[in-house]
Amino acid sequence: MNQYQYAGANLAVIEPSYERTDGRRRDIVNNAISVQEASNTVAALEYLKSHSIAPQVIERVLLEPAKRRYHTAQ
């Protein structure tokens, strides 16, 4: 599916890009997901905050699992 989703006559809505651009942050986020599964959400939240992950990323990763990115080997 492409990044544009038509929402009527001549309007296009751009869906946000959730592509990972930083391998280090990817690893931090993946570690936080493991912490959340093994411990709890508060521990994962503190871990992400301590690594300066943006609040909107923290919210998406911890509270909206359906929007998580899954890394596939290429």
PDB file of N, CA and C in Angstrom:
ATOM      1  N   MET A   1       0.853  -1.172   0.000  1.00  0.00           N
ATOM      2  CA  MET A   1       0.000   0.000   0.000  1.00  0.00           C
ATOM      3  C   MET A   1       0.896   1.232   0.000  1.00  0.00           C
ATOM      4  N   ASN A   2       0.524   2.230  -0.769  1.00  0.00           N
ATOM      5  CA  ASN A   2       1.375   3.410  -0.794  1.00  0.00           C
ATOM      6  C   ASN A   2       0.994   4.372   0.318  1.00  0.00           C
ATOM      7  N   GLN A   3       1.801   5.419   0.485  1.00  0.00           N
ATOM      8  CA  GLN A   3       1.619   6.303   1.635  1.00  0.00           C
ATOM      9  C   GLN A   3       0.423   7.235   1.507  1.00  0.00           C
ATOM     10  N   TYR A   4      -0.239   7.229   0.352  1.00  0.00           N
ATOM     11  CA  TYR A   4      -1.389   8.104   0.172  1.00  0.00           C
ATOM     12  C   TYR A   4      -2.680   7.304   0.261  1.00  0.00           C
ATOM     13  N   GLN A   5      -3.623   7.874   0.944  1.00  0.00           N
ATOM     14  CA  GLN A   5      -4.916   7.226   1.100  1.00  0.00           C
ATOM     15  C   GLN A   5      -5.949   8.270   0.690  1.00  0.00           C
ATOM     16  N   TYR A   6      -6.726   7.974  -0.333  1.00  0.00           N
ATOM     17  CA  TYR A   6      -7.673   8.961  -0.822  1.00  0.00           C
ATOM     18  C   TYR A   6      -8.874   9.067   0.093  1.00  0.00           C
ATOM     19  N   ALA A   7      -9.215  10.293   0.437  1.00  0.00           N
ATOM     20  CA  ALA A   7     -10.290  10.552   1.387  1.00  0.00           C
ATOM     21  C   ALA A   7     -11.397  11.371   0.744  1.00  0.00           C
ATOM     22  N   GLY A   8     -11.680  11.126  -0.494  1.00  0.00           N
ATOM     23  CA  GLY A   8     -12.749  11.860  -1.144  1.00  0.00           C
ATOM     24  C   GLY A   8     -12.317  12.368  -2.499  1.00  0.00           C
ATOM     25  N   ALA A   9     -13.067  13.316  -3.016  1.00  0.00           N
ATOM     26  CA  ALA A   9     -12.894  13.843  -4.361  1.00  0.00           C
ATOM     27  C   ALA A   9     -11.434  14.040  -4.756  1.00  0.00           C
ATOM     28  N   ASN A  10     -10.868  15.163  -4.401  1.00  0.00           N
ATOM     29  CA  ASN A  10      -9.495  15.463  -4.795  1.00  0.00           C
ATOM     30  C   ASN A  10      -8.588  15.642  -3.592  1.00  0.00           C
ATOM     31  N   LEU A  11      -8.887  14.962  -2.523  1.00  0.00           N
ATOM     32  CA  LEU A  11      -8.099  15.094  -1.306  1.00  0.00           C
ATOM     33  C   LEU A  11      -7.280  13.836  -1.080  1.00  0.00           C
ATOM     34  N   ALA A  12      -6.069  14.017  -0.597  1.00  0.00           N
ATOM     35  CA  ALA A  12      -5.229  12.872  -0.232  1.00  0.00           C
ATOM     36  C   ALA A  12      -4.732  13.094   1.185  1.00  0.00           C
ATOM     37  N   VAL A  13      -4.775  12.053   1.971  1.00  0.00           N
ATOM     38  CA  VAL A  13      -4.287  12.112   3.345  1.00  0.00           C
ATOM     39  C   VAL A  13      -2.988  11.326   3.389  1.00  0.00           C
ATOM     40  N   ILE A  14      -1.945  11.950   3.890  1.00  0.00           N
ATOM     41  CA  ILE A  14      -0.660  11.268   3.980  1.00  0.00           C
ATOM     42  C   ILE A  14      -0.601  10.521   5.299  1.00  0.00           C
ATOM     43  N   GLU A  15      -0.391   9.213   5.207  1.00  0.00           N
ATOM     44  CA  GLU A  15      -0.251   8.406   6.411  1.00  0.00           C
ATOM     45  C   GLU A  15       1.149   8.623   6.968  1.00  0.00           C
ATOM     46  N   PRO A  16       1.297   8.641   8.284  1.00  0.00           N
ATOM     47  CA  PRO A  16       2.630   8.856   8.857  1.00  0.00           C
ATOM     48  C   PRO A  16       3.562   7.706   8.516  1.00  0.00           C
ATOM     49  N   SER A  17       4.819   8.046   8.272  1.00  0.00           N
ATOM     50  CA  SER A  17       5.821   7.026   8.003  1.00  0.00           C
ATOM     51  C   SER A  17       6.357   6.507   9.324  1.00  0.00           C
ATOM     52  N   TYR A  18       6.301   5.189   9.503  1.00  0.00           N
ATOM     53  CA  TYR A  18       6.816   4.598  10.727  1.00  0.00           C
ATOM     54  C   TYR A  18       8.114   3.841  10.464  1.00  0.00           C
ATOM     55  N   GLU A  19       8.804   4.194   9.367  1.00  0.00           N
ATOM     56  CA  GLU A  19      10.055   3.508   9.070  1.00  0.00           C
ATOM     57  C   GLU A  19      11.118   3.867  10.088  1.00  0.00           C
ATOM     58  N   ARG A  20      11.868   2.866  10.487  1.00  0.00           N
ATOM     59  CA  ARG A  20      12.974   3.108  11.417  1.00  0.00           C
ATOM     60  C   ARG A  20      14.130   3.722  10.648  1.00  0.00           C
ATOM     61  N   THR A  21      14.741   4.725  11.244  1.00  0.00           N
ATOM     62  CA  THR A  21      15.877   5.370  10.594  1.00  0.00           C
ATOM     63  C   THR A  21      17.141   5.268  11.427  1.00  0.00           C
ATOM     64  N   ASP A  22      17.049   4.735  12.607  1.00  0.00           N
ATOM     65  CA  ASP A  22      18.177   4.726  13.526  1.00  0.00           C
ATOM     66  C   ASP A  22      18.270   3.361  14.212  1.00  0.00           C
ATOM     67  N   GLY A  23      19.315   2.610  13.890  1.00  0.00           N
ATOM     68  CA  GLY A  23      19.483   1.271  14.453  1.00  0.00           C
ATOM     69  C   GLY A  23      19.623   1.264  15.960  1.00  0.00           C
ATOM     70  N   ARG A  24      20.282   2.270  16.513  1.00  0.00           N
ATOM     71  CA  ARG A  24      20.459   2.346  17.967  1.00  0.00           C
ATOM     72  C   ARG A  24      19.109   2.495  18.662  1.00  0.00           C
ATOM     73  N   ARG A  25      18.298   3.402  18.153  1.00  0.00           N
ATOM     74  CA  ARG A  25      16.973   3.597  18.752  1.00  0.00           C
ATOM     75  C   ARG A  25      16.084   2.377  18.556  1.00  0.00           C
ATOM     76  N   ARG A  26      16.237   1.709  17.428  1.00  0.00           N
ATOM     77  CA  ARG A  26      15.491   0.470  17.201  1.00  0.00           C
ATOM     78  C   ARG A  26      15.800  -0.529  18.307  1.00  0.00           C
ATOM     79  N   ASP A  27      17.079  -0.676  18.625  1.00  0.00           N
ATOM     80  CA  ASP A  27      17.480  -1.618  19.672  1.00  0.00           C
ATOM     81  C   ASP A  27      16.935  -1.203  21.038  1.00  0.00           C
ATOM     82  N   ILE A  28      16.948   0.094  21.319  1.00  0.00           N
ATOM     83  CA  ILE A  28      16.409   0.598  22.590  1.00  0.00           C
ATOM     84  C   ILE A  28      14.919   0.281  22.684  1.00  0.00           C
ATOM     85  N   VAL A  29      14.190   0.554  21.609  1.00  0.00           N
ATOM     86  CA  VAL A  29      12.746   0.293  21.598  1.00  0.00           C
ATOM     87  C   VAL A  29      12.474  -1.204  21.745  1.00  0.00           C
ATOM     88  N   ASN A  30      13.231  -2.029  21.034  1.00  0.00           N
ATOM     89  CA  ASN A  30      13.035  -3.477  21.154  1.00  0.00           C
ATOM     90  C   ASN A  30      13.323  -3.958  22.570  1.00  0.00           C
ATOM     91  N   ASN A  31      14.355  -3.406  23.201  1.00  0.00           N
ATOM     92  CA  ASN A  31      14.651  -3.759  24.595  1.00  0.00           C
ATOM     93  C   ASN A  31      13.507  -3.341  25.513  1.00  0.00           C
ATOM     94  N   ALA A  32      12.950  -2.166  25.265  1.00  0.00           N
ATOM     95  CA  ALA A  32      11.836  -1.685  26.090  1.00  0.00           C
ATOM     96  C   ALA A  32      10.615  -2.589  25.958  1.00  0.00           C
ATOM     97  N   ILE A  33      10.360  -3.074  24.758  1.00  0.00           N
ATOM     98  CA  ILE A  33       9.238  -3.996  24.556  1.00  0.00           C
ATOM     99  C   ILE A  33       9.471  -5.271  25.363  1.00  0.00           C
ATOM    100  N   SER A  34      10.705  -5.741  25.377  1.00  0.00           N
ATOM    101  CA  SER A  34      11.038  -6.927  26.179  1.00  0.00           C
ATOM    102  C   SER A  34      10.855  -6.655  27.666  1.00  0.00           C
ATOM    103  N   VAL A  35      11.266  -5.456  28.102  1.00  0.00           N
ATOM    104  CA  VAL A  35      11.085  -5.072  29.509  1.00  0.00           C
ATOM    105  C   VAL A  35       9.600  -5.038  29.845  1.00  0.00           C
ATOM    106  N   GLN A  36       8.802  -4.464  28.965  1.00  0.00           N
ATOM    107  CA  GLN A  36       7.360  -4.387  29.203  1.00  0.00           C
ATOM    108  C   GLN A  36       6.753  -5.782  29.335  1.00  0.00           C
ATOM    109  N   GLU A  37       7.167  -6.698  28.461  1.00  0.00           N
ATOM    110  CA  GLU A  37       6.624  -8.059  28.502  1.00  0.00           C
ATOM    111  C   GLU A  37       7.078  -8.816  29.747  1.00  0.00           C
ATOM    112  N   ALA A  38       8.340  -8.610  30.150  1.00  0.00           N
ATOM    113  CA  ALA A  38       8.895  -9.352  31.286  1.00  0.00           C
ATOM    114  C   ALA A  38       8.555  -8.725  32.631  1.00  0.00           C
ATOM    115  N   SER A  39       8.356  -7.410  32.637  1.00  0.00           N
ATOM    116  CA  SER A  39       8.152  -6.708  33.901  1.00  0.00           C
ATOM    117  C   SER A  39       6.823  -5.963  33.872  1.00  0.00           C
ATOM    118  N   ASN A  40       6.879  -4.691  33.453  1.00  0.00           N
ATOM    119  CA  ASN A  40       5.646  -3.904  33.368  1.00  0.00           C
ATOM    120  C   ASN A  40       5.863  -2.668  32.509  1.00  0.00           C
ATOM    121  N   THR A  41       4.785  -1.983  32.210  1.00  0.00           N
ATOM    122  CA  THR A  41       4.834  -0.822  31.327  1.00  0.00           C
ATOM    123  C   THR A  41       5.604   0.335  31.945  1.00  0.00           C
ATOM    124  N   VAL A  42       5.479   0.539  33.249  1.00  0.00           N
ATOM    125  CA  VAL A  42       6.184   1.648  33.907  1.00  0.00           C
ATOM    126  C   VAL A  42       7.695   1.471  33.778  1.00  0.00           C
ATOM    127  N   ALA A  43       8.183   0.254  33.962  1.00  0.00           N
ATOM    128  CA  ALA A  43       9.621   0.000  33.822  1.00  0.00           C
ATOM    129  C   ALA A  43      10.078   0.279  32.391  1.00  0.00           C
ATOM    130  N   ALA A  44       9.283  -0.133  31.413  1.00  0.00           N
ATOM    131  CA  ALA A  44       9.620   0.121  30.013  1.00  0.00           C
ATOM    132  C   ALA A  44       9.590   1.617  29.708  1.00  0.00           C
ATOM    133  N   LEU A  45       8.611   2.321  30.262  1.00  0.00           N
ATOM    134  CA  LEU A  45       8.508   3.767  30.096  1.00  0.00           C
ATOM    135  C   LEU A  45       9.755   4.465  30.628  1.00  0.00           C
ATOM    136  N   GLU A  46      10.165   4.114  31.820  1.00  0.00           N
ATOM    137  CA  GLU A  46      11.353   4.734  32.419  1.00  0.00           C
ATOM    138  C   GLU A  46      12.606   4.423  31.608  1.00  0.00           C
ATOM    139  N   TYR A  47      12.699   3.202  31.102  1.00  0.00           N
ATOM    140  CA  TYR A  47      13.839   2.815  30.274  1.00  0.00           C
ATOM    141  C   TYR A  47      13.898   3.693  29.020  1.00  0.00           C
ATOM    142  N   LEU A  48      12.767   3.858  28.343  1.00  0.00           N
ATOM    143  CA  LEU A  48      12.733   4.676  27.127  1.00  0.00           C
ATOM    144  C   LEU A  48      13.042   6.140  27.428  1.00  0.00           C
ATOM    145  N   LYS A  49      12.474   6.665  28.509  1.00  0.00           N
ATOM    146  CA  LYS A  49      12.747   8.058  28.891  1.00  0.00           C
ATOM    147  C   LYS A  49      14.225   8.262  29.191  1.00  0.00           C
ATOM    148  N   SER A  50      14.852   7.288  29.844  1.00  0.00           N
ATOM    149  CA  SER A  50      16.269   7.421  30.195  1.00  0.00           C
ATOM    150  C   SER A  50      17.167   7.406  28.963  1.00  0.00           C
ATOM    151  N   HIS A  51      16.632   6.936  27.834  1.00  0.00           N
ATOM    152  CA  HIS A  51      17.390   6.921  26.585  1.00  0.00           C
ATOM    153  C   HIS A  51      16.910   8.013  25.616  1.00  0.00           C
ATOM    154  N   SER A  52      16.177   8.986  26.146  1.00  0.00           N
ATOM    155  CA  SER A  52      15.731  10.161  25.368  1.00  0.00           C
ATOM    156  C   SER A  52      14.905   9.810  24.131  1.00  0.00           C
ATOM    157  N   ILE A  53      14.060   8.815  24.270  1.00  0.00           N
ATOM    158  CA  ILE A  53      13.144   8.481  23.180  1.00  0.00           C
ATOM    159  C   ILE A  53      11.971   9.458  23.246  1.00  0.00           C
ATOM    160  N   ALA A  54      11.549   9.943  22.093  1.00  0.00           N
ATOM    161  CA  ALA A  54      10.487  10.949  22.014  1.00  0.00           C
ATOM    162  C   ALA A  54       9.184  10.439  22.639  1.00  0.00           C
ATOM    163  N   PRO A  55       8.476  11.320  23.358  1.00  0.00           N
ATOM    164  CA  PRO A  55       7.222  10.918  24.020  1.00  0.00           C
ATOM    165  C   PRO A  55       6.202  10.281  23.080  1.00  0.00           C
ATOM    166  N   GLN A  56       6.068  10.796  21.852  1.00  0.00           N
ATOM    167  CA  GLN A  56       5.090  10.217  20.927  1.00  0.00           C
ATOM    168  C   GLN A  56       5.493   8.804  20.506  1.00  0.00           C
ATOM    169  N   VAL A  57       6.787   8.530  20.452  1.00  0.00           N
ATOM    170  CA  VAL A  57       7.253   7.177  20.139  1.00  0.00           C
ATOM    171  C   VAL A  57       6.969   6.251  21.321  1.00  0.00           C
ATOM    172  N   ILE A  58       7.260   6.734  22.519  1.00  0.00           N
ATOM    173  CA  ILE A  58       6.999   5.945  23.726  1.00  0.00           C
ATOM    174  C   ILE A  58       5.523   5.561  23.795  1.00  0.00           C
ATOM    175  N   GLU A  59       4.658   6.531  23.576  1.00  0.00           N
ATOM    176  CA  GLU A  59       3.219   6.265  23.640  1.00  0.00           C
ATOM    177  C   GLU A  59       2.804   5.222  22.609  1.00  0.00           C
ATOM    178  N   ARG A  60       3.276   5.392  21.377  1.00  0.00           N
ATOM    179  CA  ARG A  60       2.908   4.454  20.309  1.00  0.00           C
ATOM    180  C   ARG A  60       3.413   3.048  20.603  1.00  0.00           C
ATOM    181  N   VAL A  61       4.659   2.955  21.029  1.00  0.00           N
ATOM    182  CA  VAL A  61       5.269   1.641  21.253  1.00  0.00           C
ATOM    183  C   VAL A  61       4.635   0.907  22.429  1.00  0.00           C
ATOM    184  N   LEU A  62       4.421   1.613  23.524  1.00  0.00           N
ATOM    185  CA  LEU A  62       3.935   0.939  24.731  1.00  0.00           C
ATOM    186  C   LEU A  62       2.420   0.794  24.796  1.00  0.00           C
ATOM    187  N   LEU A  63       1.693   1.733  24.204  1.00  0.00           N
ATOM    188  CA  LEU A  63       0.237   1.721  24.350  1.00  0.00           C
ATOM    189  C   LEU A  63      -0.521   1.316  23.089  1.00  0.00           C
ATOM    190  N   GLU A  64       0.173   1.273  21.950  1.00  0.00           N
ATOM    191  CA  GLU A  64      -0.489   0.923  20.698  1.00  0.00           C
ATOM    192  C   GLU A  64       0.310  -0.156  19.966  1.00  0.00           C
ATOM    193  N   PRO A  65       0.331  -1.374  20.485  1.00  0.00           N
ATOM    194  CA  PRO A  65       1.157  -2.425  19.885  1.00  0.00           C
ATOM    195  C   PRO A  65       0.843  -2.704  18.415  1.00  0.00           C
ATOM    196  N   ALA A  66      -0.367  -2.434  17.980  1.00  0.00           N
ATOM    197  CA  ALA A  66      -0.715  -2.666  16.575  1.00  0.00           C
ATOM    198  C   ALA A  66       0.060  -1.741  15.637  1.00  0.00           C
ATOM    199  N   LYS A  67       0.587  -0.640  16.166  1.00  0.00           N
ATOM    200  CA  LYS A  67       1.337   0.316  15.349  1.00  0.00           C
ATOM    201  C   LYS A  67       2.845   0.125  15.451  1.00  0.00           C
ATOM    202  N   ARG A  68       3.262  -0.924  16.131  1.00  0.00           N
ATOM    203  CA  ARG A  68       4.699  -1.186  16.243  1.00  0.00           C
ATOM    204  C   ARG A  68       5.265  -1.604  14.901  1.00  0.00           C
ATOM    205  N   ARG A  69       6.519  -1.270  14.699  1.00  0.00           N
ATOM    206  CA  ARG A  69       7.242  -1.713  13.515  1.00  0.00           C
ATOM    207  C   ARG A  69       7.915  -3.026  13.847  1.00  0.00           C
ATOM    208  N   TYR A  70       7.907  -3.908  12.907  1.00  0.00           N
ATOM    209  CA  TYR A  70       8.591  -5.176  13.123  1.00  0.00           C
ATOM    210  C   TYR A  70       9.732  -5.281  12.140  1.00  0.00           C
ATOM    211  N   HIS A  71      10.913  -5.481  12.674  1.00  0.00           N
ATOM    212  CA  HIS A  71      12.123  -5.559  11.865  1.00  0.00           C
ATOM    213  C   HIS A  71      12.165  -6.893  11.139  1.00  0.00           C
ATOM    214  N   THR A  72      12.428  -6.826   9.851  1.00  0.00           N
ATOM    215  CA  THR A  72      12.612  -8.051   9.082  1.00  0.00           C
ATOM    216  C   THR A  72      14.001  -8.034   8.491  1.00  0.00           C
ATOM    217  N   ALA A  73      14.691  -9.146   8.563  1.00  0.00           N
ATOM    218  CA  ALA A  73      16.050  -9.237   8.022  1.00  0.00           C
ATOM    219  C   ALA A  73      15.993  -9.124   6.510  1.00  0.00           C
ATOM    220  N   GLN A  74      16.952  -8.403   5.954  1.00  0.00           N
ATOM    221  CA  GLN A  74      16.982  -8.234   4.496  1.00  0.00           C
ATOM    222  C   GLN A  74      18.206  -8.876   3.921  1.00  0.00           C
TER     223      GLN A  74
END
